[in-house]
Amino acid sequence: MTAIRNKVKPDTVLKNFWRDNQRFADLFNTILFKGKQVLKPEDLKEADTDISSVIKFNNHAETVQRILDVVRKTANGTDFIIWGLENQEKIHYAMPLRHMIADALIYLKEYNELSARNKREKNYSSSDEFLSGLTKTDRLHPVIGLCIYYGEEEWDGPTNLVDMIQVTEDLKPMVSDYKMNLLQIRSSEHFQFQNNDVQTVFDMVRLIYEEDYTNFNKRYKNKSIPAELGLTIGSIVNSQRIINQSLIMEERESEIDMCKALENLVNNSKLEEKKETVLRLSDMGMPIEQIAQAVKIAVEDVQSWLQESSQQ
């Protein structure tokens, strides 16, 4: 069991899931363009996810390292657009700033490429162009990012830069803002995805979070899904049991009957995960009262689980 746990990294599972151009295009079309087919899977080209750069200012240089989860490029006539996807498991209260920095690094990377080309080809026609590194007609290409938050708790962090800044109302209009595009899987029920994989994963995760196992069984009774989707769902809801079952089915190269494979797993996974957490915290020497508070269960339950474990 431990070996299987160590092989699976949820972040990697989600990256692999969204590297599929059909899913990637449907995600952006549904969330940002209200279902309009702006992005076409066949037009998506893989782009570099490493946007690390060196920031130079007044003879001072500093390296900034940043790697995005999934990045695609689409042609728009003779120009192009960069589409970036970030997977977020936990609430991050500096997320708008992170997105602003990431977008700025992509713009900086293109600026440096343009500047180097202009210098190499001697494209400058004035001292102003030489000083800036850009010609008067040079333009950067747009960067459009989307953050998917997979957590069970409602997102209570900021979604734009101004919300992170302590500023009076009269000064707010003068502060340059930067907003992020955020999708909460927890509250995505009003979106209708055309890609069956995306729709299935989002719908099942919501039902698991809501502990609505009645509708779970009604919708997916006797329905099979690829093991990859089970692995993705297990990674999102942090259920080692679902992950393990999916890996077993993947090795057998077979699909999963969701009701048969997940009915008991889903019902018991949260309880089992809590028990594992209690035992782990106890092994670390944490007092019972603090364990109960951390796991959000009664002290009596903690004592009972620890006693039950000691007798095994």
C-alpha atoms as a PDB file:
ATOM      1  CA  MET A   1       0.000   0.000   0.000  1.00  0.00           C
ATOM      2  CA  THR A   2       2.816   2.410   0.872  1.00  0.00           C
ATOM      3  CA  ALA A   3       4.588   1.712  -2.419  1.00  0.00           C
ATOM      4  CA  ILE A   4       1.460   2.639  -4.357  1.00  0.00           C
ATOM      5  CA  ARG A   5       1.028   5.818  -2.300  1.00  0.00           C
ATOM      6  CA  ASN A   6       4.589   6.914  -3.081  1.00  0.00           C
ATOM      7  CA  LYS A   7       4.126   6.412  -6.826  1.00  0.00           C
ATOM      8  CA  VAL A   8       1.232   8.821  -7.187  1.00  0.00           C
ATOM      9  CA  LYS A   9       1.580  12.586  -7.018  1.00  0.00           C
ATOM     10  CA  PRO A  10      -1.784  14.372  -7.392  1.00  0.00           C
ATOM     11  CA  ASP A  11      -0.168  17.382  -9.063  1.00  0.00           C
ATOM     12  CA  THR A  12       1.343  15.159 -11.754  1.00  0.00           C
ATOM     13  CA  VAL A  13      -1.953  13.303 -12.262  1.00  0.00           C
ATOM     14  CA  LEU A  14      -3.799  16.584 -12.826  1.00  0.00           C
ATOM     15  CA  LYS A  15      -1.142  17.910 -15.197  1.00  0.00           C
ATOM     16  CA  ASN A  16      -1.420  14.756 -17.275  1.00  0.00           C
ATOM     17  CA  PHE A  17      -5.210  15.015 -17.300  1.00  0.00           C
ATOM     18  CA  TRP A  18      -5.195  18.570 -18.654  1.00  0.00           C
ATOM     19  CA  ARG A  19      -2.431  17.984 -21.200  1.00  0.00           C
ATOM     20  CA  ASP A  20      -5.124  16.396 -23.366  1.00  0.00           C
ATOM     21  CA  ASN A  21      -6.025  19.129 -25.864  1.00  0.00           C
ATOM     22  CA  GLN A  22      -9.687  18.076 -26.063  1.00  0.00           C
ATOM     23  CA  ARG A  23     -10.109  18.590 -22.309  1.00  0.00           C
ATOM     24  CA  PHE A  24      -7.973  21.743 -22.222  1.00  0.00           C
ATOM     25  CA  ALA A  25      -9.941  23.427 -25.001  1.00  0.00           C
ATOM     26  CA  ASP A  26     -13.313  22.474 -23.527  1.00  0.00           C
ATOM     27  CA  LEU A  27     -12.279  23.810 -20.117  1.00  0.00           C
ATOM     28  CA  PHE A  28     -11.346  27.261 -21.430  1.00  0.00           C
ATOM     29  CA  ASN A  29     -14.271  27.440 -23.849  1.00  0.00           C
ATOM     30  CA  THR A  30     -16.776  26.595 -21.099  1.00  0.00           C
ATOM     31  CA  ILE A  31     -15.340  28.741 -18.306  1.00  0.00           C
ATOM     32  CA  LEU A  32     -14.092  31.819 -20.153  1.00  0.00           C
ATOM     33  CA  PHE A  33     -16.225  31.878 -23.315  1.00  0.00           C
ATOM     34  CA  LYS A  34     -19.583  30.545 -22.064  1.00  0.00           C
ATOM     35  CA  GLY A  35     -19.395  27.461 -24.256  1.00  0.00           C
ATOM     36  CA  LYS A  36     -18.453  29.262 -27.469  1.00  0.00           C
ATOM     37  CA  GLN A  37     -15.896  27.185 -29.371  1.00  0.00           C
ATOM     38  CA  VAL A  38     -13.080  29.730 -29.404  1.00  0.00           C
ATOM     39  CA  LEU A  39     -10.290  27.237 -28.772  1.00  0.00           C
ATOM     40  CA  LYS A  40     -10.047  24.271 -31.112  1.00  0.00           C
ATOM     41  CA  PRO A  41      -8.087  21.233 -29.877  1.00  0.00           C
ATOM     42  CA  GLU A  42      -6.281  20.813 -33.193  1.00  0.00           C
ATOM     43  CA  ASP A  43      -4.975  24.395 -32.977  1.00  0.00           C
ATOM     44  CA  LEU A  44      -3.388  23.989 -29.542  1.00  0.00           C
ATOM     45  CA  LYS A  45       0.391  23.717 -29.541  1.00  0.00           C
ATOM     46  CA  GLU A  46       2.517  22.770 -26.558  1.00  0.00           C
ATOM     47  CA  ALA A  47       4.458  25.672 -25.048  1.00  0.00           C
ATOM     48  CA  ASP A  48       7.270  25.901 -22.512  1.00  0.00           C
ATOM     49  CA  THR A  49       5.997  25.716 -18.924  1.00  0.00           C
ATOM     50  CA  ASP A  50       9.273  27.045 -17.486  1.00  0.00           C
ATOM     51  CA  ILE A  51       8.901  30.824 -17.390  1.00  0.00           C
ATOM     52  CA  SER A  52      11.829  31.472 -15.029  1.00  0.00           C
ATOM     53  CA  SER A  53      13.771  34.630 -15.793  1.00  0.00           C
ATOM     54  CA  VAL A  54      16.414  37.069 -14.620  1.00  0.00           C
ATOM     55  CA  ILE A  55      15.084  40.445 -13.509  1.00  0.00           C
ATOM     56  CA  LYS A  56      17.564  43.280 -14.067  1.00  0.00           C
ATOM     57  CA  PHE A  57      17.112  46.746 -12.607  1.00  0.00           C
ATOM     58  CA  ASN A  58      19.657  49.491 -11.858  1.00  0.00           C
ATOM     59  CA  ASN A  59      22.651  47.154 -12.134  1.00  0.00           C
ATOM     60  CA  HIS A  60      20.943  44.631  -9.864  1.00  0.00           C
ATOM     61  CA  ALA A  61      19.931  41.183 -11.121  1.00  0.00           C
ATOM     62  CA  GLU A  62      17.742  38.582  -9.452  1.00  0.00           C
ATOM     63  CA  THR A  63      16.631  35.163 -10.640  1.00  0.00           C
ATOM     64  CA  VAL A  64      12.906  34.401 -10.451  1.00  0.00           C
ATOM     65  CA  GLN A  65      11.921  30.759 -10.887  1.00  0.00           C
ATOM     66  CA  ARG A  66       8.400  29.827 -11.929  1.00  0.00           C
ATOM     67  CA  ILE A  67       6.990  26.750 -13.666  1.00  0.00           C
ATOM     68  CA  LEU A  68       3.363  26.626 -14.777  1.00  0.00           C
ATOM     69  CA  ASP A  69       1.302  23.430 -14.820  1.00  0.00           C
ATOM     70  CA  VAL A  70       0.066  23.358 -18.427  1.00  0.00           C
ATOM     71  CA  VAL A  71       0.716  25.938 -21.151  1.00  0.00           C
ATOM     72  CA  ARG A  72      -0.640  25.962 -24.689  1.00  0.00           C
ATOM     73  CA  LYS A  73      -0.221  28.335 -27.629  1.00  0.00           C
ATOM     74  CA  THR A  74      -2.736  29.055 -30.378  1.00  0.00           C
ATOM     75  CA  ALA A  75      -2.235  30.927 -33.633  1.00  0.00           C
ATOM     76  CA  ASN A  76      -4.422  33.938 -34.256  1.00  0.00           C
ATOM     77  CA  GLY A  77      -3.694  34.820 -37.864  1.00  0.00           C
ATOM     78  CA  THR A  78      -0.004  35.689 -37.910  1.00  0.00           C
ATOM     79  CA  ASP A  79      -0.032  36.282 -34.140  1.00  0.00           C
ATOM     80  CA  PHE A  80      -0.486  33.913 -31.213  1.00  0.00           C
ATOM     81  CA  ILE A  81      -2.058  33.675 -27.759  1.00  0.00           C
ATOM     82  CA  ILE A  82      -0.619  31.967 -24.667  1.00  0.00           C
ATOM     83  CA  TRP A  83      -3.044  29.961 -22.503  1.00  0.00           C
ATOM     84  CA  GLY A  84      -1.868  28.987 -19.027  1.00  0.00           C
ATOM     85  CA  LEU A  85      -3.488  26.583 -16.554  1.00  0.00           C
ATOM     86  CA  GLU A  86      -2.684  26.378 -12.841  1.00  0.00           C
ATOM     87  CA  ASN A  87      -3.894  23.573 -10.548  1.00  0.00           C
ATOM     88  CA  GLN A  88      -4.454  24.677  -6.954  1.00  0.00           C
ATOM     89  CA  GLU A  89      -5.197  22.195  -4.172  1.00  0.00           C
ATOM     90  CA  LYS A  90      -5.212  24.637  -1.231  1.00  0.00           C
ATOM     91  CA  ILE A  91      -6.528  28.175  -0.775  1.00  0.00           C
ATOM     92  CA  HIS A  92      -3.672  30.569  -1.487  1.00  0.00           C
ATOM     93  CA  TYR A  93      -4.153  34.103  -0.194  1.00  0.00           C
ATOM     94  CA  ALA A  94      -1.539  35.527  -2.557  1.00  0.00           C
ATOM     95  CA  MET A  95      -2.880  33.853  -5.702  1.00  0.00           C
ATOM     96  CA  PRO A  96      -3.602  37.058  -7.676  1.00  0.00           C
ATOM     97  CA  LEU A  97      -0.019  38.173  -7.063  1.00  0.00           C
ATOM     98  CA  ARG A  98       1.294  34.760  -8.165  1.00  0.00           C
ATOM     99  CA  HIS A  99      -0.724  35.009 -11.381  1.00  0.00           C
ATOM    100  CA  MET A 100       0.422  38.559 -12.034  1.00  0.00           C
ATOM    101  CA  ILE A 101       4.069  37.542 -11.619  1.00  0.00           C
ATOM    102  CA  ALA A 102       3.629  34.503 -13.864  1.00  0.00           C
ATOM    103  CA  ASP A 103       1.989  36.548 -16.618  1.00  0.00           C
ATOM    104  CA  ALA A 104       4.627  39.263 -16.260  1.00  0.00           C
ATOM    105  CA  LEU A 105       7.408  36.687 -16.639  1.00  0.00           C
ATOM    106  CA  ILE A 106       5.831  35.409 -19.864  1.00  0.00           C
ATOM    107  CA  TYR A 107       5.621  38.969 -21.177  1.00  0.00           C
ATOM    108  CA  LEU A 108       9.203  39.590 -20.060  1.00  0.00           C
ATOM    109  CA  LYS A 109      10.370  36.472 -21.883  1.00  0.00           C
ATOM    110  CA  GLU A 110       8.803  37.665 -25.132  1.00  0.00           C
ATOM    111  CA  TYR A 111      10.149  41.179 -24.601  1.00  0.00           C
ATOM    112  CA  ASN A 112      13.678  39.809 -24.186  1.00  0.00           C
ATOM    113  CA  GLU A 113      13.295  37.744 -27.365  1.00  0.00           C
ATOM    114  CA  LEU A 114      12.060  40.771 -29.332  1.00  0.00           C
ATOM    115  CA  SER A 115      14.796  42.988 -27.930  1.00  0.00           C
ATOM    116  CA  ALA A 116      17.500  40.450 -28.809  1.00  0.00           C
ATOM    117  CA  ARG A 117      16.150  40.067 -32.334  1.00  0.00           C
ATOM    118  CA  ASN A 118      15.984  43.836 -32.872  1.00  0.00           C
ATOM    119  CA  LYS A 119      19.543  44.224 -31.652  1.00  0.00           C
ATOM    120  CA  ARG A 120      20.788  41.355 -33.819  1.00  0.00           C
ATOM    121  CA  GLU A 121      18.999  42.579 -36.947  1.00  0.00           C
ATOM    122  CA  LYS A 122      19.606  46.276 -36.216  1.00  0.00           C
ATOM    123  CA  ASN A 123      15.915  47.082 -36.482  1.00  0.00           C
ATOM    124  CA  TYR A 124      16.128  50.341 -34.531  1.00  0.00           C
ATOM    125  CA  SER A 125      15.304  53.558 -36.374  1.00  0.00           C
ATOM    126  CA  SER A 126      15.684  55.913 -33.400  1.00  0.00           C
ATOM    127  CA  SER A 127      17.512  56.259 -30.091  1.00  0.00           C
ATOM    128  CA  ASP A 128      14.204  55.759 -28.277  1.00  0.00           C
ATOM    129  CA  GLU A 129      13.747  52.358 -29.908  1.00  0.00           C
ATOM    130  CA  PHE A 130      17.342  51.430 -29.130  1.00  0.00           C
ATOM    131  CA  LEU A 131      16.893  52.420 -25.477  1.00  0.00           C
ATOM    132  CA  SER A 132      13.639  50.477 -25.002  1.00  0.00           C
ATOM    133  CA  GLY A 133      14.694  47.437 -27.026  1.00  0.00           C
ATOM    134  CA  LEU A 134      11.413  47.570 -28.954  1.00  0.00           C
ATOM    135  CA  THR A 135      10.482  49.260 -32.157  1.00  0.00           C
ATOM    136  CA  LYS A 136       7.495  51.572 -32.251  1.00  0.00           C
ATOM    137  CA  THR A 137       5.356  48.888 -33.904  1.00  0.00           C
ATOM    138  CA  ASP A 138       6.415  45.892 -31.767  1.00  0.00           C
ATOM    139  CA  ARG A 139       3.609  44.344 -29.721  1.00  0.00           C
ATOM    140  CA  LEU A 140       3.534  41.618 -27.108  1.00  0.00           C
ATOM    141  CA  HIS A 141       1.066  38.751 -27.376  1.00  0.00           C
ATOM    142  CA  PRO A 142      -1.748  38.197 -24.865  1.00  0.00           C
ATOM    143  CA  VAL A 143      -1.456  35.773 -21.962  1.00  0.00           C
ATOM    144  CA  ILE A 144      -4.712  34.285 -20.638  1.00  0.00           C
ATOM    145  CA  GLY A 145      -4.565  32.223 -17.470  1.00  0.00           C
ATOM    146  CA  LEU A 146      -7.018  30.083 -15.541  1.00  0.00           C
ATOM    147  CA  CYS A 147      -6.669  28.714 -12.017  1.00  0.00           C
ATOM    148  CA  ILE A 148      -8.623  25.603 -10.976  1.00  0.00           C
ATOM    149  CA  TYR A 149      -9.152  25.290  -7.239  1.00  0.00           C
ATOM    150  CA  TYR A 150      -9.851  21.669  -6.280  1.00  0.00           C
ATOM    151  CA  GLY A 151     -10.306  22.077  -2.521  1.00  0.00           C
ATOM    152  CA  GLU A 152     -13.402  21.027  -0.610  1.00  0.00           C
ATOM    153  CA  GLU A 153     -13.651  24.301   1.342  1.00  0.00           C
ATOM    154  CA  GLU A 154     -15.135  27.370  -0.330  1.00  0.00           C
ATOM    155  CA  TRP A 155     -12.485  29.742  -1.704  1.00  0.00           C
ATOM    156  CA  ASP A 156     -12.305  32.736   0.644  1.00  0.00           C
ATOM    157  CA  GLY A 157      -9.125  34.269  -0.747  1.00  0.00           C
ATOM    158  CA  PRO A 158      -8.783  37.293  -3.038  1.00  0.00           C
ATOM    159  CA  THR A 159      -9.355  37.037  -6.767  1.00  0.00           C
ATOM    160  CA  ASN A 160      -7.698  40.324  -7.705  1.00  0.00           C
ATOM    161  CA  LEU A 161      -4.672  42.298  -6.592  1.00  0.00           C
ATOM    162  CA  VAL A 162      -6.552  45.221  -5.057  1.00  0.00           C
ATOM    163  CA  ASP A 163      -8.159  42.880  -2.533  1.00  0.00           C
ATOM    164  CA  MET A 164      -4.653  42.058  -1.298  1.00  0.00           C
ATOM    165  CA  ILE A 165      -3.714  45.705  -0.788  1.00  0.00           C
ATOM    166  CA  GLN A 166      -4.500  47.845   2.233  1.00  0.00           C
ATOM    167  CA  VAL A 167      -5.808  50.983   0.602  1.00  0.00           C
ATOM    168  CA  THR A 168      -8.556  53.517   1.282  1.00  0.00           C
ATOM    169  CA  GLU A 169     -11.593  53.658  -0.994  1.00  0.00           C
ATOM    170  CA  ASP A 170     -10.637  57.045  -2.421  1.00  0.00           C
ATOM    171  CA  LEU A 171      -7.265  55.705  -3.573  1.00  0.00           C
ATOM    172  CA  LYS A 172      -8.528  52.394  -4.985  1.00  0.00           C
ATOM    173  CA  PRO A 173      -9.299  53.777  -8.473  1.00  0.00           C
ATOM    174  CA  MET A 174      -5.677  54.919  -8.753  1.00  0.00           C
ATOM    175  CA  VAL A 175      -4.176  51.525  -7.896  1.00  0.00           C
ATOM    176  CA  SER A 176      -3.451  49.282 -10.875  1.00  0.00           C
ATOM    177  CA  ASP A 177      -5.452  46.112 -10.404  1.00  0.00           C
ATOM    178  CA  TYR A 178      -4.821  42.581 -11.679  1.00  0.00           C
ATOM    179  CA  LYS A 179      -7.553  39.973 -11.667  1.00  0.00           C
ATOM    180  CA  MET A 180      -7.257  36.208 -11.906  1.00  0.00           C
ATOM    181  CA  ASN A 181      -9.651  33.788 -13.576  1.00  0.00           C
ATOM    182  CA  LEU A 182     -10.685  31.300 -10.889  1.00  0.00           C
ATOM    183  CA  LEU A 183     -12.749  28.126 -11.212  1.00  0.00           C
ATOM    184  CA  GLN A 184     -13.881  26.338  -8.060  1.00  0.00           C
ATOM    185  CA  ILE A 185     -14.675  22.714  -8.761  1.00  0.00           C
ATOM    186  CA  ARG A 186     -16.772  22.760  -5.561  1.00  0.00           C
ATOM    187  CA  SER A 187     -19.244  25.203  -7.118  1.00  0.00           C
ATOM    188  CA  SER A 188     -19.023  24.393 -10.829  1.00  0.00           C
ATOM    189  CA  GLU A 189     -22.434  22.748 -11.175  1.00  0.00           C
ATOM    190  CA  HIS A 190     -23.791  25.483 -13.470  1.00  0.00           C
ATOM    191  CA  PHE A 191     -21.145  24.750 -16.115  1.00  0.00           C
ATOM    192  CA  GLN A 192     -21.969  22.205 -18.793  1.00  0.00           C
ATOM    193  CA  PHE A 193     -18.811  20.760 -20.319  1.00  0.00           C
ATOM    194  CA  GLN A 194     -18.986  19.122 -23.728  1.00  0.00           C
ATOM    195  CA  ASN A 195     -16.049  16.847 -23.002  1.00  0.00           C
ATOM    196  CA  ASN A 196     -17.376  13.771 -21.186  1.00  0.00           C
ATOM    197  CA  ASP A 197     -14.176  13.236 -19.206  1.00  0.00           C
ATOM    198  CA  VAL A 198     -14.230  16.766 -17.776  1.00  0.00           C
ATOM    199  CA  GLN A 199     -17.964  16.631 -17.045  1.00  0.00           C
ATOM    200  CA  THR A 200     -17.638  13.245 -15.308  1.00  0.00           C
ATOM    201  CA  VAL A 201     -14.672  14.227 -13.135  1.00  0.00           C
ATOM    202  CA  PHE A 202     -16.214  17.524 -12.036  1.00  0.00           C
ATOM    203  CA  ASP A 203     -19.626  15.973 -11.360  1.00  0.00           C
ATOM    204  CA  MET A 204     -18.271  13.029  -9.363  1.00  0.00           C
ATOM    205  CA  VAL A 205     -15.973  15.222  -7.281  1.00  0.00           C
ATOM    206  CA  ARG A 206     -18.848  17.557  -6.400  1.00  0.00           C
ATOM    207  CA  LEU A 207     -21.046  14.625  -5.360  1.00  0.00           C
ATOM    208  CA  ILE A 208     -18.260  13.211  -3.205  1.00  0.00           C
ATOM    209  CA  TYR A 209     -17.641  16.576  -1.546  1.00  0.00           C
ATOM    210  CA  GLU A 210     -21.359  16.948  -0.889  1.00  0.00           C
ATOM    211  CA  GLU A 211     -21.531  13.335   0.346  1.00  0.00           C
ATOM    212  CA  ASP A 212     -24.511  12.929  -1.984  1.00  0.00           C
ATOM    213  CA  TYR A 213     -24.035   9.220  -2.572  1.00  0.00           C
ATOM    214  CA  THR A 214     -27.707   8.682  -3.488  1.00  0.00           C
ATOM    215  CA  ASN A 215     -27.391  10.802  -6.629  1.00  0.00           C
ATOM    216  CA  PHE A 216     -23.895   9.418  -7.182  1.00  0.00           C
ATOM    217  CA  ASN A 217     -25.339   5.934  -7.506  1.00  0.00           C
ATOM    218  CA  LYS A 218     -28.344   7.076  -9.539  1.00  0.00           C
ATOM    219  CA  ARG A 219     -26.198   8.832 -12.136  1.00  0.00           C
ATOM    220  CA  TYR A 220     -23.401   6.301 -12.427  1.00  0.00           C
ATOM    221  CA  LYS A 221     -25.017   2.956 -11.693  1.00  0.00           C
ATOM    222  CA  ASN A 222     -23.628   0.286 -14.027  1.00  0.00           C
ATOM    223  CA  LYS A 223     -21.529   2.896 -15.839  1.00  0.00           C
ATOM    224  CA  SER A 224     -17.843   2.285 -16.494  1.00  0.00           C
ATOM    225  CA  ILE A 225     -15.126   4.898 -16.804  1.00  0.00           C
ATOM    226  CA  PRO A 226     -11.430   4.615 -17.692  1.00  0.00           C
ATOM    227  CA  ALA A 227      -9.067   3.958 -14.780  1.00  0.00           C
ATOM    228  CA  GLU A 228      -7.365   7.292 -15.575  1.00  0.00           C
ATOM    229  CA  LEU A 229     -10.495   9.193 -14.566  1.00  0.00           C
ATOM    230  CA  GLY A 230     -10.725   7.233 -11.326  1.00  0.00           C
ATOM    231  CA  LEU A 231      -7.109   8.125 -10.602  1.00  0.00           C
ATOM    232  CA  THR A 232      -7.836  11.794 -11.297  1.00  0.00           C
ATOM    233  CA  ILE A 233     -10.903  11.790  -9.043  1.00  0.00           C
ATOM    234  CA  GLY A 234      -9.009  10.043  -6.247  1.00  0.00           C
ATOM    235  CA  SER A 235      -6.179  12.574  -6.509  1.00  0.00           C
ATOM    236  CA  ILE A 236      -8.561  15.527  -6.302  1.00  0.00           C
ATOM    237  CA  VAL A 237     -10.532  14.275  -3.272  1.00  0.00           C
ATOM    238  CA  ASN A 238      -7.344  12.952  -1.656  1.00  0.00           C
ATOM    239  CA  SER A 239      -8.628   9.385  -1.325  1.00  0.00           C
ATOM    240  CA  GLN A 240      -5.851   6.817  -1.287  1.00  0.00           C
ATOM    241  CA  ARG A 241      -8.449   4.060  -1.532  1.00  0.00           C
ATOM    242  CA  ILE A 242      -9.838   5.383  -4.812  1.00  0.00           C
ATOM    243  CA  ILE A 243      -6.307   5.909  -6.130  1.00  0.00           C
ATOM    244  CA  ASN A 244      -5.284   2.352  -5.242  1.00  0.00           C
ATOM    245  CA  GLN A 245      -8.390   0.852  -6.836  1.00  0.00           C
ATOM    246  CA  SER A 246      -7.796   2.865  -9.998  1.00  0.00           C
ATOM    247  CA  LEU A 247      -4.171   1.745 -10.197  1.00  0.00           C
ATOM    248  CA  ILE A 248      -5.244  -1.880  -9.891  1.00  0.00           C
ATOM    249  CA  MET A 249      -7.748  -1.456 -12.715  1.00  0.00           C
ATOM    250  CA  GLU A 250      -5.149   0.388 -14.808  1.00  0.00           C
ATOM    251  CA  GLU A 251      -2.733  -2.536 -14.473  1.00  0.00           C
ATOM    252  CA  ARG A 252      -5.500  -4.862 -15.654  1.00  0.00           C
ATOM    253  CA  GLU A 253      -6.133  -2.477 -18.577  1.00  0.00           C
ATOM    254  CA  SER A 254      -9.826  -2.415 -17.748  1.00  0.00           C
ATOM    255  CA  GLU A 255     -12.418   0.222 -16.941  1.00  0.00           C
ATOM    256  CA  ILE A 256     -14.043   0.842 -13.566  1.00  0.00           C
ATOM    257  CA  ASP A 257     -17.700   0.209 -12.800  1.00  0.00           C
ATOM    258  CA  MET A 258     -18.040   3.281 -10.629  1.00  0.00           C
ATOM    259  CA  CYS A 259     -20.819   2.023  -8.388  1.00  0.00           C
ATOM    260  CA  LYS A 260     -19.171  -1.323  -7.740  1.00  0.00           C
ATOM    261  CA  ALA A 261     -15.688   0.102  -7.335  1.00  0.00           C
ATOM    262  CA  LEU A 262     -16.503   3.331  -5.522  1.00  0.00           C
ATOM    263  CA  GLU A 263     -19.754   2.794  -3.621  1.00  0.00           C
ATOM    264  CA  ASN A 264     -18.018   1.477  -0.505  1.00  0.00           C
ATOM    265  CA  LEU A 265     -14.834   3.423  -1.134  1.00  0.00           C
ATOM    266  CA  VAL A 266     -16.606   6.756  -1.349  1.00  0.00           C
ATOM    267  CA  ASN A 267     -18.764   6.082   1.692  1.00  0.00           C
ATOM    268  CA  ASN A 268     -15.816   5.025   3.816  1.00  0.00           C
ATOM    269  CA  SER A 269     -12.901   6.949   2.334  1.00  0.00           C
ATOM    270  CA  LYS A 270     -13.300  10.095   4.451  1.00  0.00           C
ATOM    271  CA  LEU A 271     -13.626   8.098   7.649  1.00  0.00           C
ATOM    272  CA  GLU A 272     -10.584   5.994   6.806  1.00  0.00           C
ATOM    273  CA  GLU A 273      -8.534   9.050   5.849  1.00  0.00           C
ATOM    274  CA  LYS A 274      -9.398  10.626   9.212  1.00  0.00           C
ATOM    275  CA  LYS A 275      -8.344   7.471  11.036  1.00  0.00           C
ATOM    276  CA  GLU A 276      -5.022   7.465   9.191  1.00  0.00           C
ATOM    277  CA  THR A 277      -4.502  11.114  10.114  1.00  0.00           C
ATOM    278  CA  VAL A 278      -5.279  10.430  13.779  1.00  0.00           C
ATOM    279  CA  LEU A 279      -2.747   7.587  13.925  1.00  0.00           C
ATOM    280  CA  ARG A 280      -0.098   9.650  12.146  1.00  0.00           C
ATOM    281  CA  LEU A 281      -0.532  12.634  14.474  1.00  0.00           C
ATOM    282  CA  SER A 282      -0.493  10.345  17.495  1.00  0.00           C
ATOM    283  CA  ASP A 283       2.787   8.790  16.315  1.00  0.00           C
ATOM    284  CA  MET A 284       4.182  12.322  16.095  1.00  0.00           C
ATOM    285  CA  GLY A 285       3.356  12.813  19.776  1.00  0.00           C
ATOM    286  CA  MET A 286       0.476  15.265  19.400  1.00  0.00           C
ATOM    287  CA  PRO A 287      -1.895  15.321  22.434  1.00  0.00           C
ATOM    288  CA  ILE A 288      -5.325  13.728  21.960  1.00  0.00           C
ATOM    289  CA  GLU A 289      -7.187  17.029  22.461  1.00  0.00           C
ATOM    290  CA  GLN A 290      -5.150  18.713  19.719  1.00  0.00           C
ATOM    291  CA  ILE A 291      -5.657  15.747  17.388  1.00  0.00           C
ATOM    292  CA  ALA A 292      -9.425  15.962  17.885  1.00  0.00           C
ATOM    293  CA  GLN A 293      -9.355  19.668  17.111  1.00  0.00           C
ATOM    294  CA  ALA A 294      -7.152  19.228  14.020  1.00  0.00           C
ATOM    295  CA  VAL A 295      -9.253  16.398  12.536  1.00  0.00           C
ATOM    296  CA  LYS A 296     -12.549  17.958  13.701  1.00  0.00           C
ATOM    297  CA  ILE A 297     -13.865  14.930  15.603  1.00  0.00           C
ATOM    298  CA  ALA A 298     -14.749  14.204  19.220  1.00  0.00           C
ATOM    299  CA  VAL A 299     -12.021  13.387  21.735  1.00  0.00           C
ATOM    300  CA  GLU A 300     -13.861  10.142  22.534  1.00  0.00           C
ATOM    301  CA  ASP A 301     -13.569   9.046  18.880  1.00  0.00           C
ATOM    302  CA  VAL A 302      -9.833   9.718  18.889  1.00  0.00           C
ATOM    303  CA  GLN A 303      -9.417   7.662  22.043  1.00  0.00           C
ATOM    304  CA  SER A 304     -11.526   4.845  20.593  1.00  0.00           C
ATOM    305  CA  TRP A 305      -9.553   4.736  17.317  1.00  0.00           C
ATOM    306  CA  LEU A 306      -6.210   4.745  19.119  1.00  0.00           C
ATOM    307  CA  GLN A 307      -7.370   1.957  21.451  1.00  0.00           C
ATOM    308  CA  GLU A 308      -8.672  -0.025  18.497  1.00  0.00           C
ATOM    309  CA  SER A 309      -5.326   0.385  16.712  1.00  0.00           C
ATOM    310  CA  SER A 310      -3.314  -0.719  19.728  1.00  0.00           C
ATOM    311  CA  GLN A 311      -5.316  -3.947  19.958  1.00  0.00           C
ATOM    312  CA  GLN A 312      -4.683  -4.926  16.337  1.00  0.00           C
END
